[in-house]
Amino acid sequence: LLACTMVLAATETAQAALEKPLLLLIDDPAAELDGGSL
């Protein structure tokens, strides 16, 4: 979750700077996360 925090924040920051949406790839988001975290 902490690493995902970093990835999502980087994505948000770059989108704001570039003024366009980015591509986000997520491989098996449920791995190692409980239902609430997911």
PDB file of all heavy atoms in Angstrom:
ATOM      1  N   LEU A   1       0.825  -1.209   0.000  1.00  0.00           N
ATOM      2  CA  LEU A   1       0.000   0.000   0.000  1.00  0.00           C
ATOM      3  C   LEU A   1       0.858   1.256   0.000  1.00  0.00           C
ATOM      4  O   LEU A   1       0.516   2.254  -0.649  1.00  0.00           O
ATOM      5  CB  LEU A   1      -0.936  -0.006   1.208  1.00  0.00           C
ATOM      6  CG  LEU A   1      -2.101  -1.004   1.149  1.00  0.00           C
ATOM      7  CD1 LEU A   1      -2.877  -0.978   2.464  1.00  0.00           C
ATOM      8  CD2 LEU A   1      -3.032  -0.692  -0.017  1.00  0.00           C
ATOM      9  N   LEU A   2       1.977   1.212   0.723  1.00  0.00           N
ATOM     10  CA  LEU A   2       2.872   2.369   0.736  1.00  0.00           C
ATOM     11  C   LEU A   2       3.500   2.573  -0.645  1.00  0.00           C
ATOM     12  O   LEU A   2       3.596   3.697  -1.140  1.00  0.00           O
ATOM     13  CB  LEU A   2       3.955   2.179   1.803  1.00  0.00           C
ATOM     14  CG  LEU A   2       4.969   3.315   1.964  1.00  0.00           C
ATOM     15  CD1 LEU A   2       4.278   4.664   2.130  1.00  0.00           C
ATOM     16  CD2 LEU A   2       5.878   3.032   3.156  1.00  0.00           C
ATOM     17  N   ALA A   3       3.913   1.475  -1.271  1.00  0.00           N
ATOM     18  CA  ALA A   3       4.463   1.575  -2.623  1.00  0.00           C
ATOM     19  C   ALA A   3       3.403   2.061  -3.606  1.00  0.00           C
ATOM     20  O   ALA A   3       3.691   2.877  -4.492  1.00  0.00           O
ATOM     21  CB  ALA A   3       5.028   0.225  -3.062  1.00  0.00           C
ATOM     22  N   CYS A   4       2.179   1.575  -3.465  1.00  0.00           N
ATOM     23  CA  CYS A   4       1.078   2.046  -4.324  1.00  0.00           C
ATOM     24  C   CYS A   4       0.820   3.529  -4.098  1.00  0.00           C
ATOM     25  O   CYS A   4       0.495   4.262  -5.054  1.00  0.00           O
ATOM     26  CB  CYS A   4      -0.183   1.242  -4.050  1.00  0.00           C
ATOM     27  SG  CYS A   4      -0.139  -0.459  -4.675  1.00  0.00           S
ATOM     28  N   THR A   5       0.943   3.981  -2.859  1.00  0.00           N
ATOM     29  CA  THR A   5       0.830   5.407  -2.571  1.00  0.00           C
ATOM     30  C   THR A   5       1.807   6.198  -3.426  1.00  0.00           C
ATOM     31  O   THR A   5       1.456   7.221  -4.034  1.00  0.00           O
ATOM     32  CB  THR A   5       1.114   5.670  -1.077  1.00  0.00           C
ATOM     33  OG1 THR A   5       0.066   5.105  -0.292  1.00  0.00           O
ATOM     34  CG2 THR A   5       1.214   7.161  -0.780  1.00  0.00           C
ATOM     35  N   MET A   6       3.040   5.722  -3.498  1.00  0.00           N
ATOM     36  CA  MET A   6       4.070   6.412  -4.274  1.00  0.00           C
ATOM     37  C   MET A   6       3.749   6.392  -5.763  1.00  0.00           C
ATOM     38  O   MET A   6       3.864   7.412  -6.457  1.00  0.00           O
ATOM     39  CB  MET A   6       5.426   5.774  -3.999  1.00  0.00           C
ATOM     40  CG  MET A   6       5.877   5.910  -2.545  1.00  0.00           C
ATOM     41  SD  MET A   6       7.386   4.977  -2.163  1.00  0.00           S
ATOM     42  CE  MET A   6       8.595   5.879  -3.139  1.00  0.00           C
ATOM     43  N   VAL A   7       3.333   5.242  -6.277  1.00  0.00           N
ATOM     44  CA  VAL A   7       3.026   5.123  -7.710  1.00  0.00           C
ATOM     45  C   VAL A   7       1.851   6.020  -8.096  1.00  0.00           C
ATOM     46  O   VAL A   7       1.901   6.741  -9.092  1.00  0.00           O
ATOM     47  CB  VAL A   7       2.739   3.662  -8.080  1.00  0.00           C
ATOM     48  CG1 VAL A   7       2.214   3.558  -9.507  1.00  0.00           C
ATOM     49  CG2 VAL A   7       3.989   2.805  -7.918  1.00  0.00           C
ATOM     50  N   LEU A   8       0.786   5.978  -7.299  1.00  0.00           N
ATOM     51  CA  LEU A   8      -0.403   6.774  -7.638  1.00  0.00           C
ATOM     52  C   LEU A   8      -0.122   8.265  -7.504  1.00  0.00           C
ATOM     53  O   LEU A   8      -0.609   9.068  -8.313  1.00  0.00           O
ATOM     54  CB  LEU A   8      -1.577   6.368  -6.738  1.00  0.00           C
ATOM     55  CG  LEU A   8      -2.037   4.909  -6.850  1.00  0.00           C
ATOM     56  CD1 LEU A   8      -3.316   4.690  -6.043  1.00  0.00           C
ATOM     57  CD2 LEU A   8      -2.253   4.492  -8.296  1.00  0.00           C
ATOM     58  N   ALA A   9       0.673   8.652  -6.507  1.00  0.00           N
ATOM     59  CA  ALA A   9       1.009  10.068  -6.347  1.00  0.00           C
ATOM     60  C   ALA A   9       1.876  10.552  -7.510  1.00  0.00           C
ATOM     61  O   ALA A   9       1.707  11.676  -7.994  1.00  0.00           O
ATOM     62  CB  ALA A   9       1.726  10.291  -5.022  1.00  0.00           C
ATOM     63  N   ALA A  10       2.800   9.715  -7.959  1.00  0.00           N
ATOM     64  CA  ALA A  10       3.624  10.079  -9.117  1.00  0.00           C
ATOM     65  C   ALA A  10       2.749  10.238 -10.357  1.00  0.00           C
ATOM     66  O   ALA A  10       2.935  11.166 -11.157  1.00  0.00           O
ATOM     67  CB  ALA A  10       4.692   9.021  -9.346  1.00  0.00           C
ATOM     68  N   THR A  11       1.796   9.321 -10.530  1.00  0.00           N
ATOM     69  CA  THR A  11       0.879   9.400 -11.674  1.00  0.00           C
ATOM     70  C   THR A  11       0.072  10.689 -11.630  1.00  0.00           C
ATOM     71  O   THR A  11      -0.054  11.402 -12.637  1.00  0.00           O
ATOM     72  CB  THR A  11      -0.072   8.190 -11.666  1.00  0.00           C
ATOM     73  OG1 THR A  11       0.699   6.980 -11.682  1.00  0.00           O
ATOM     74  CG2 THR A  11      -0.991   8.215 -12.876  1.00  0.00           C
ATOM     75  N   GLU A  12      -0.476  11.002 -10.467  1.00  0.00           N
ATOM     76  CA  GLU A  12      -1.271  12.229 -10.313  1.00  0.00           C
ATOM     77  C   GLU A  12      -0.430  13.469 -10.597  1.00  0.00           C
ATOM     78  O   GLU A  12      -0.884  14.411 -11.272  1.00  0.00           O
ATOM     79  CB  GLU A  12      -1.837  12.283  -8.898  1.00  0.00           C
ATOM     80  CG  GLU A  12      -2.710  13.499  -8.629  1.00  0.00           C
ATOM     81  CD  GLU A  12      -3.320  13.492  -7.226  1.00  0.00           C
ATOM     82  OE1 GLU A  12      -3.335  12.417  -6.587  1.00  0.00           O
ATOM     83  OE2 GLU A  12      -3.783  14.556  -6.780  1.00  0.00           O
ATOM     84  N   THR A  13       0.799  13.482 -10.099  1.00  0.00           N
ATOM     85  CA  THR A  13       1.684  14.637 -10.281  1.00  0.00           C
ATOM     86  C   THR A  13       2.034  14.838 -11.751  1.00  0.00           C
ATOM     87  O   THR A  13       2.002  15.955 -12.269  1.00  0.00           O
ATOM     88  CB  THR A  13       2.965  14.451  -9.453  1.00  0.00           C
ATOM     89  OG1 THR A  13       2.621  14.292  -8.075  1.00  0.00           O
ATOM     90  CG2 THR A  13       3.895  15.648  -9.606  1.00  0.00           C
ATOM     91  N   ALA A  14       2.382  13.743 -12.442  1.00  0.00           N
ATOM     92  CA  ALA A  14       2.736  13.844 -13.860  1.00  0.00           C
ATOM     93  C   ALA A  14       1.536  14.240 -14.704  1.00  0.00           C
ATOM     94  O   ALA A  14       1.664  15.030 -15.652  1.00  0.00           O
ATOM     95  CB  ALA A  14       3.322  12.521 -14.340  1.00  0.00           C
ATOM     96  N   GLN A  15       0.360  13.709 -14.373  1.00  0.00           N
ATOM     97  CA  GLN A  15      -0.846  14.089 -15.119  1.00  0.00           C
ATOM     98  C   GLN A  15      -1.114  15.587 -15.008  1.00  0.00           C
ATOM     99  O   GLN A  15      -1.476  16.227 -15.990  1.00  0.00           O
ATOM    100  CB  GLN A  15      -2.058  13.311 -14.602  1.00  0.00           C
ATOM    101  CG  GLN A  15      -2.098  11.866 -15.046  1.00  0.00           C
ATOM    102  CD  GLN A  15      -3.412  11.169 -14.700  1.00  0.00           C
ATOM    103  OE1 GLN A  15      -3.766  10.189 -15.330  1.00  0.00           O
ATOM    104  NE2 GLN A  15      -4.130  11.654 -13.712  1.00  0.00           N
ATOM    105  N   ALA A  16      -0.922  16.132 -13.817  1.00  0.00           N
ATOM    106  CA  ALA A  16      -1.151  17.567 -13.628  1.00  0.00           C
ATOM    107  C   ALA A  16      -0.148  18.390 -14.428  1.00  0.00           C
ATOM    108  O   ALA A  16      -0.504  19.414 -15.024  1.00  0.00           O
ATOM    109  CB  ALA A  16      -1.055  17.913 -12.146  1.00  0.00           C
ATOM    110  N   ALA A  17       1.099  17.937 -14.468  1.00  0.00           N
ATOM    111  CA  ALA A  17       2.128  18.674 -15.198  1.00  0.00           C
ATOM    112  C   ALA A  17       1.938  18.577 -16.706  1.00  0.00           C
ATOM    113  O   ALA A  17       2.115  19.556 -17.438  1.00  0.00           O
ATOM    114  CB  ALA A  17       3.513  18.159 -14.812  1.00  0.00           C
ATOM    115  N   LEU A  18       1.565  17.389 -17.178  1.00  0.00           N
ATOM    116  CA  LEU A  18       1.412  17.159 -18.616  1.00  0.00           C
ATOM    117  C   LEU A  18       0.033  17.552 -19.137  1.00  0.00           C
ATOM    118  O   LEU A  18      -0.175  17.654 -20.347  1.00  0.00           O
ATOM    119  CB  LEU A  18       1.671  15.684 -18.939  1.00  0.00           C
ATOM    120  CG  LEU A  18       3.065  15.154 -18.600  1.00  0.00           C
ATOM    121  CD1 LEU A  18       3.127  13.641 -18.816  1.00  0.00           C
ATOM    122  CD2 LEU A  18       4.132  15.856 -19.425  1.00  0.00           C
ATOM    123  N   GLU A  19      -0.907  17.716 -18.209  1.00  0.00           N
ATOM    124  CA  GLU A  19      -2.287  18.080 -18.540  1.00  0.00           C
ATOM    125  C   GLU A  19      -2.934  17.042 -19.454  1.00  0.00           C
ATOM    126  O   GLU A  19      -3.617  17.394 -20.424  1.00  0.00           O
ATOM    127  CB  GLU A  19      -2.343  19.479 -19.168  1.00  0.00           C
ATOM    128  CG  GLU A  19      -1.848  20.577 -18.236  1.00  0.00           C
ATOM    129  CD  GLU A  19      -1.961  21.961 -18.848  1.00  0.00           C
ATOM    130  OE1 GLU A  19      -1.906  22.070 -20.094  1.00  0.00           O
ATOM    131  OE2 GLU A  19      -2.105  22.933 -18.087  1.00  0.00           O
ATOM    132  N   LYS A  20      -2.700  15.785 -19.140  1.00  0.00           N
ATOM    133  CA  LYS A  20      -3.334  14.702 -19.880  1.00  0.00           C
ATOM    134  C   LYS A  20      -3.298  13.437 -19.033  1.00  0.00           C
ATOM    135  O   LYS A  20      -2.447  13.306 -18.136  1.00  0.00           O
ATOM    136  CB  LYS A  20      -2.633  14.455 -21.217  1.00  0.00           C
ATOM    137  CG  LYS A  20      -1.198  13.965 -21.096  1.00  0.00           C
ATOM    138  CD  LYS A  20      -0.597  13.732 -22.478  1.00  0.00           C
ATOM    139  CE  LYS A  20       0.819  13.178 -22.389  1.00  0.00           C
ATOM    140  NZ  LYS A  20       1.418  12.974 -23.734  1.00  0.00           N
ATOM    141  N   PRO A  21      -4.222  12.501 -19.267  1.00  0.00           N
ATOM    142  CA  PRO A  21      -4.234  11.267 -18.481  1.00  0.00           C
ATOM    143  C   PRO A  21      -3.066  10.365 -18.857  1.00  0.00           C
ATOM    144  O   PRO A  21      -2.602  10.351 -20.000  1.00  0.00           O
ATOM    145  CB  PRO A  21      -5.576  10.624 -18.850  1.00  0.00           C
ATOM    146  CG  PRO A  21      -5.890  11.170 -20.199  1.00  0.00           C
ATOM    147  CD  PRO A  21      -5.343  12.561 -20.230  1.00  0.00           C
ATOM    148  N   LEU A  22      -2.592   9.598 -17.884  1.00  0.00           N
ATOM    149  CA  LEU A  22      -1.533   8.624 -18.099  1.00  0.00           C
ATOM    150  C   LEU A  22      -2.117   7.227 -18.185  1.00  0.00           C
ATOM    151  O   LEU A  22      -3.295   7.017 -17.885  1.00  0.00           O
ATOM    152  CB  LEU A  22      -0.502   8.680 -16.965  1.00  0.00           C
ATOM    153  CG  LEU A  22       0.710   9.604 -17.193  1.00  0.00           C
ATOM    154  CD1 LEU A  22       0.257  11.062 -17.291  1.00  0.00           C
ATOM    155  CD2 LEU A  22       1.725   9.449 -16.071  1.00  0.00           C
ATOM    156  N   LEU A  23      -1.285   6.283 -18.562  1.00  0.00           N
ATOM    157  CA  LEU A  23      -1.645   4.866 -18.561  1.00  0.00           C
ATOM    158  C   LEU A  23      -1.131   4.248 -17.264  1.00  0.00           C
ATOM    159  O   LEU A  23       0.049   4.369 -16.939  1.00  0.00           O
ATOM    160  CB  LEU A  23      -1.022   4.156 -19.764  1.00  0.00           C
ATOM    161  CG  LEU A  23      -1.147   2.623 -19.807  1.00  0.00           C
ATOM    162  CD1 LEU A  23      -2.600   2.189 -19.841  1.00  0.00           C
ATOM    163  CD2 LEU A  23      -0.377   2.062 -21.007  1.00  0.00           C
ATOM    164  N   LEU A  24      -2.021   3.583 -16.531  1.00  0.00           N
ATOM    165  CA  LEU A  24      -1.648   2.896 -15.302  1.00  0.00           C
ATOM    166  C   LEU A  24      -1.887   1.404 -15.485  1.00  0.00           C
ATOM    167  O   LEU A  24      -3.006   0.972 -15.765  1.00  0.00           O
ATOM    168  CB  LEU A  24      -2.472   3.415 -14.116  1.00  0.00           C
ATOM    169  CG  LEU A  24      -2.227   2.737 -12.764  1.00  0.00           C
ATOM    170  CD1 LEU A  24      -0.787   2.957 -12.300  1.00  0.00           C
ATOM    171  CD2 LEU A  24      -3.206   3.263 -11.715  1.00  0.00           C
ATOM    172  N   LEU A  25      -0.837   0.611 -15.352  1.00  0.00           N
ATOM    173  CA  LEU A  25      -0.913  -0.840 -15.461  1.00  0.00           C
ATOM    174  C   LEU A  25      -0.883  -1.440 -14.064  1.00  0.00           C
ATOM    175  O   LEU A  25      -0.019  -1.092 -13.256  1.00  0.00           O
ATOM    176  CB  LEU A  25       0.276  -1.367 -16.280  1.00  0.00           C
ATOM    177  CG  LEU A  25       0.484  -0.751 -17.661  1.00  0.00           C
ATOM    178  CD1 LEU A  25       1.773  -1.267 -18.298  1.00  0.00           C
ATOM    179  CD2 LEU A  25      -0.702  -1.036 -18.570  1.00  0.00           C
ATOM    180  N   ILE A  26      -1.823  -2.347 -13.779  1.00  0.00           N
ATOM    181  CA  ILE A  26      -1.903  -2.967 -12.453  1.00  0.00           C
ATOM    182  C   ILE A  26      -1.974  -4.477 -12.617  1.00  0.00           C
ATOM    183  O   ILE A  26      -2.953  -5.004 -13.140  1.00  0.00           O
ATOM    184  CB  ILE A  26      -3.131  -2.471 -11.656  1.00  0.00           C
ATOM    185  CG1 ILE A  26      -3.256  -0.944 -11.704  1.00  0.00           C
ATOM    186  CG2 ILE A  26      -3.032  -2.944 -10.207  1.00  0.00           C
ATOM    187  CD1 ILE A  26      -4.473  -0.409 -10.961  1.00  0.00           C
ATOM    188  N   ASP A  27      -0.945  -5.154 -12.154  1.00  0.00           N
ATOM    189  CA  ASP A  27      -0.902  -6.608 -12.266  1.00  0.00           C
ATOM    190  C   ASP A  27      -1.406  -7.231 -10.964  1.00  0.00           C
ATOM    191  O   ASP A  27      -0.774  -7.098  -9.915  1.00  0.00           O
ATOM    192  CB  ASP A  27       0.539  -7.063 -12.542  1.00  0.00           C
ATOM    193  CG  ASP A  27       0.613  -8.517 -12.965  1.00  0.00           C
ATOM    194  OD1 ASP A  27      -0.440  -9.101 -13.293  1.00  0.00           O
ATOM    195  OD2 ASP A  27       1.724  -9.077 -12.977  1.00  0.00           O
ATOM    196  N   ASP A  28      -2.555  -7.896 -11.050  1.00  0.00           N
ATOM    197  CA  ASP A  28      -3.162  -8.601  -9.918  1.00  0.00           C
ATOM    198  C   ASP A  28      -3.257  -7.711  -8.681  1.00  0.00           C
ATOM    199  O   ASP A  28      -2.581  -7.951  -7.674  1.00  0.00           O
ATOM    200  CB  ASP A  28      -2.375  -9.864  -9.594  1.00  0.00           C
ATOM    201  CG  ASP A  28      -3.136 -10.801  -8.667  1.00  0.00           C
ATOM    202  OD1 ASP A  28      -4.325 -10.547  -8.400  1.00  0.00           O
ATOM    203  OD2 ASP A  28      -2.524 -11.778  -8.194  1.00  0.00           O
ATOM    204  N   PRO A  29      -4.091  -6.676  -8.703  1.00  0.00           N
ATOM    205  CA  PRO A  29      -4.169  -5.744  -7.570  1.00  0.00           C
ATOM    206  C   PRO A  29      -4.576  -6.392  -6.260  1.00  0.00           C
ATOM    207  O   PRO A  29      -4.236  -5.887  -5.186  1.00  0.00           O
ATOM    208  CB  PRO A  29      -5.225  -4.723  -8.035  1.00  0.00           C
ATOM    209  CG  PRO A  29      -5.990  -5.417  -9.115  1.00  0.00           C
ATOM    210  CD  PRO A  29      -5.022  -6.321  -9.786  1.00  0.00           C
ATOM    211  N   ALA A  30      -5.275  -7.529  -6.318  1.00  0.00           N
ATOM    212  CA  ALA A  30      -5.754  -8.164  -5.079  1.00  0.00           C
ATOM    213  C   ALA A  30      -4.658  -8.899  -4.319  1.00  0.00           C
ATOM    214  O   ALA A  30      -4.837  -9.208  -3.128  1.00  0.00           O
ATOM    215  CB  ALA A  30      -6.884  -9.148  -5.410  1.00  0.00           C
ATOM    216  N   ALA A  31      -3.525  -9.161  -4.949  1.00  0.00           N
ATOM    217  CA  ALA A  31      -2.458  -9.932  -4.294  1.00  0.00           C
ATOM    218  C   ALA A  31      -1.988  -9.239  -3.025  1.00  0.00           C
ATOM    219  O   ALA A  31      -1.669  -8.048  -3.032  1.00  0.00           O
ATOM    220  CB  ALA A  31      -1.297 -10.128  -5.252  1.00  0.00           C
ATOM    221  N   GLU A  32      -1.971  -9.979  -1.914  1.00  0.00           N
ATOM    222  CA  GLU A  32      -1.454  -9.543  -0.614  1.00  0.00           C
ATOM    223  C   GLU A  32      -2.292  -8.462   0.061  1.00  0.00           C
ATOM    224  O   GLU A  32      -1.862  -7.878   1.055  1.00  0.00           O
ATOM    225  CB  GLU A  32      -0.004  -9.075  -0.733  1.00  0.00           C
ATOM    226  CG  GLU A  32       0.942 -10.167  -1.215  1.00  0.00           C
ATOM    227  CD  GLU A  32       2.382  -9.724  -1.268  1.00  0.00           C
ATOM    228  OE1 GLU A  32       2.651  -8.727  -1.956  1.00  0.00           O
ATOM    229  OE2 GLU A  32       3.219 -10.365  -0.609  1.00  0.00           O
ATOM    230  N   LEU A  33      -3.483  -8.194  -0.466  1.00  0.00           N
ATOM    231  CA  LEU A  33      -4.338  -7.175   0.143  1.00  0.00           C
ATOM    232  C   LEU A  33      -5.654  -7.798   0.607  1.00  0.00           C
ATOM    233  O   LEU A  33      -6.232  -8.635  -0.094  1.00  0.00           O
ATOM    234  CB  LEU A  33      -4.640  -6.053  -0.861  1.00  0.00           C
ATOM    235  CG  LEU A  33      -3.462  -5.225  -1.368  1.00  0.00           C
ATOM    236  CD1 LEU A  33      -3.960  -4.153  -2.328  1.00  0.00           C
ATOM    237  CD2 LEU A  33      -2.679  -4.592  -0.219  1.00  0.00           C
ATOM    238  N   ASP A  34      -6.120  -7.365   1.774  1.00  0.00           N
ATOM    239  CA  ASP A  34      -7.435  -7.799   2.222  1.00  0.00           C
ATOM    240  C   ASP A  34      -8.502  -7.010   1.466  1.00  0.00           C
ATOM    241  O   ASP A  34      -8.207  -6.070   0.712  1.00  0.00           O
ATOM    242  CB  ASP A  34      -7.575  -7.624   3.734  1.00  0.00           C
ATOM    243  CG  ASP A  34      -7.367  -6.181   4.198  1.00  0.00           C
ATOM    244  OD1 ASP A  34      -7.918  -5.258   3.568  1.00  0.00           O
ATOM    245  OD2 ASP A  34      -6.651  -5.976   5.202  1.00  0.00           O
ATOM    246  N   GLY A  35      -9.748  -7.384   1.672  1.00  0.00           N
ATOM    247  CA  GLY A  35     -10.837  -6.773   0.913  1.00  0.00           C
ATOM    248  C   GLY A  35     -10.933  -5.274   1.089  1.00  0.00           C
ATOM    249  O   GLY A  35     -11.117  -4.526   0.121  1.00  0.00           O
ATOM    250  N   GLY A  36     -10.777  -4.809   2.325  1.00  0.00           N
ATOM    251  CA  GLY A  36     -10.871  -3.376   2.585  1.00  0.00           C
ATOM    252  C   GLY A  36      -9.741  -2.596   1.943  1.00  0.00           C
ATOM    253  O   GLY A  36      -9.950  -1.506   1.381  1.00  0.00           O
ATOM    254  N   SER A  37      -8.519  -3.137   2.013  1.00  0.00           N
ATOM    255  CA  SER A  37      -7.366  -2.471   1.409  1.00  0.00           C
ATOM    256  C   SER A  37      -7.501  -2.397  -0.104  1.00  0.00           C
ATOM    257  O   SER A  37      -7.190  -1.379  -0.731  1.00  0.00           O
ATOM    258  CB  SER A  37      -6.086  -3.206   1.785  1.00  0.00           C
ATOM    259  OG  SER A  37      -5.859  -3.157   3.180  1.00  0.00           O
ATOM    260  N   LEU A  38      -7.982  -3.500  -0.702  1.00  0.00           N
ATOM    261  CA  LEU A  38      -8.176  -3.514  -2.151  1.00  0.00           C
ATOM    262  C   LEU A  38      -9.221  -2.485  -2.564  1.00  0.00           C
ATOM    263  O   LEU A  38      -9.050  -1.775  -3.559  1.00  0.00           O
ATOM    264  CB  LEU A  38      -8.598  -4.910  -2.602  1.00  0.00           C
ATOM    265  CG  LEU A  38      -8.905  -5.080  -4.087  1.00  0.00           C
ATOM    266  CD1 LEU A  38      -7.682  -4.760  -4.938  1.00  0.00           C
ATOM    267  CD2 LEU A  38      -9.405  -6.491  -4.380  1.00  0.00           C
TER     268      LEU A  38
END
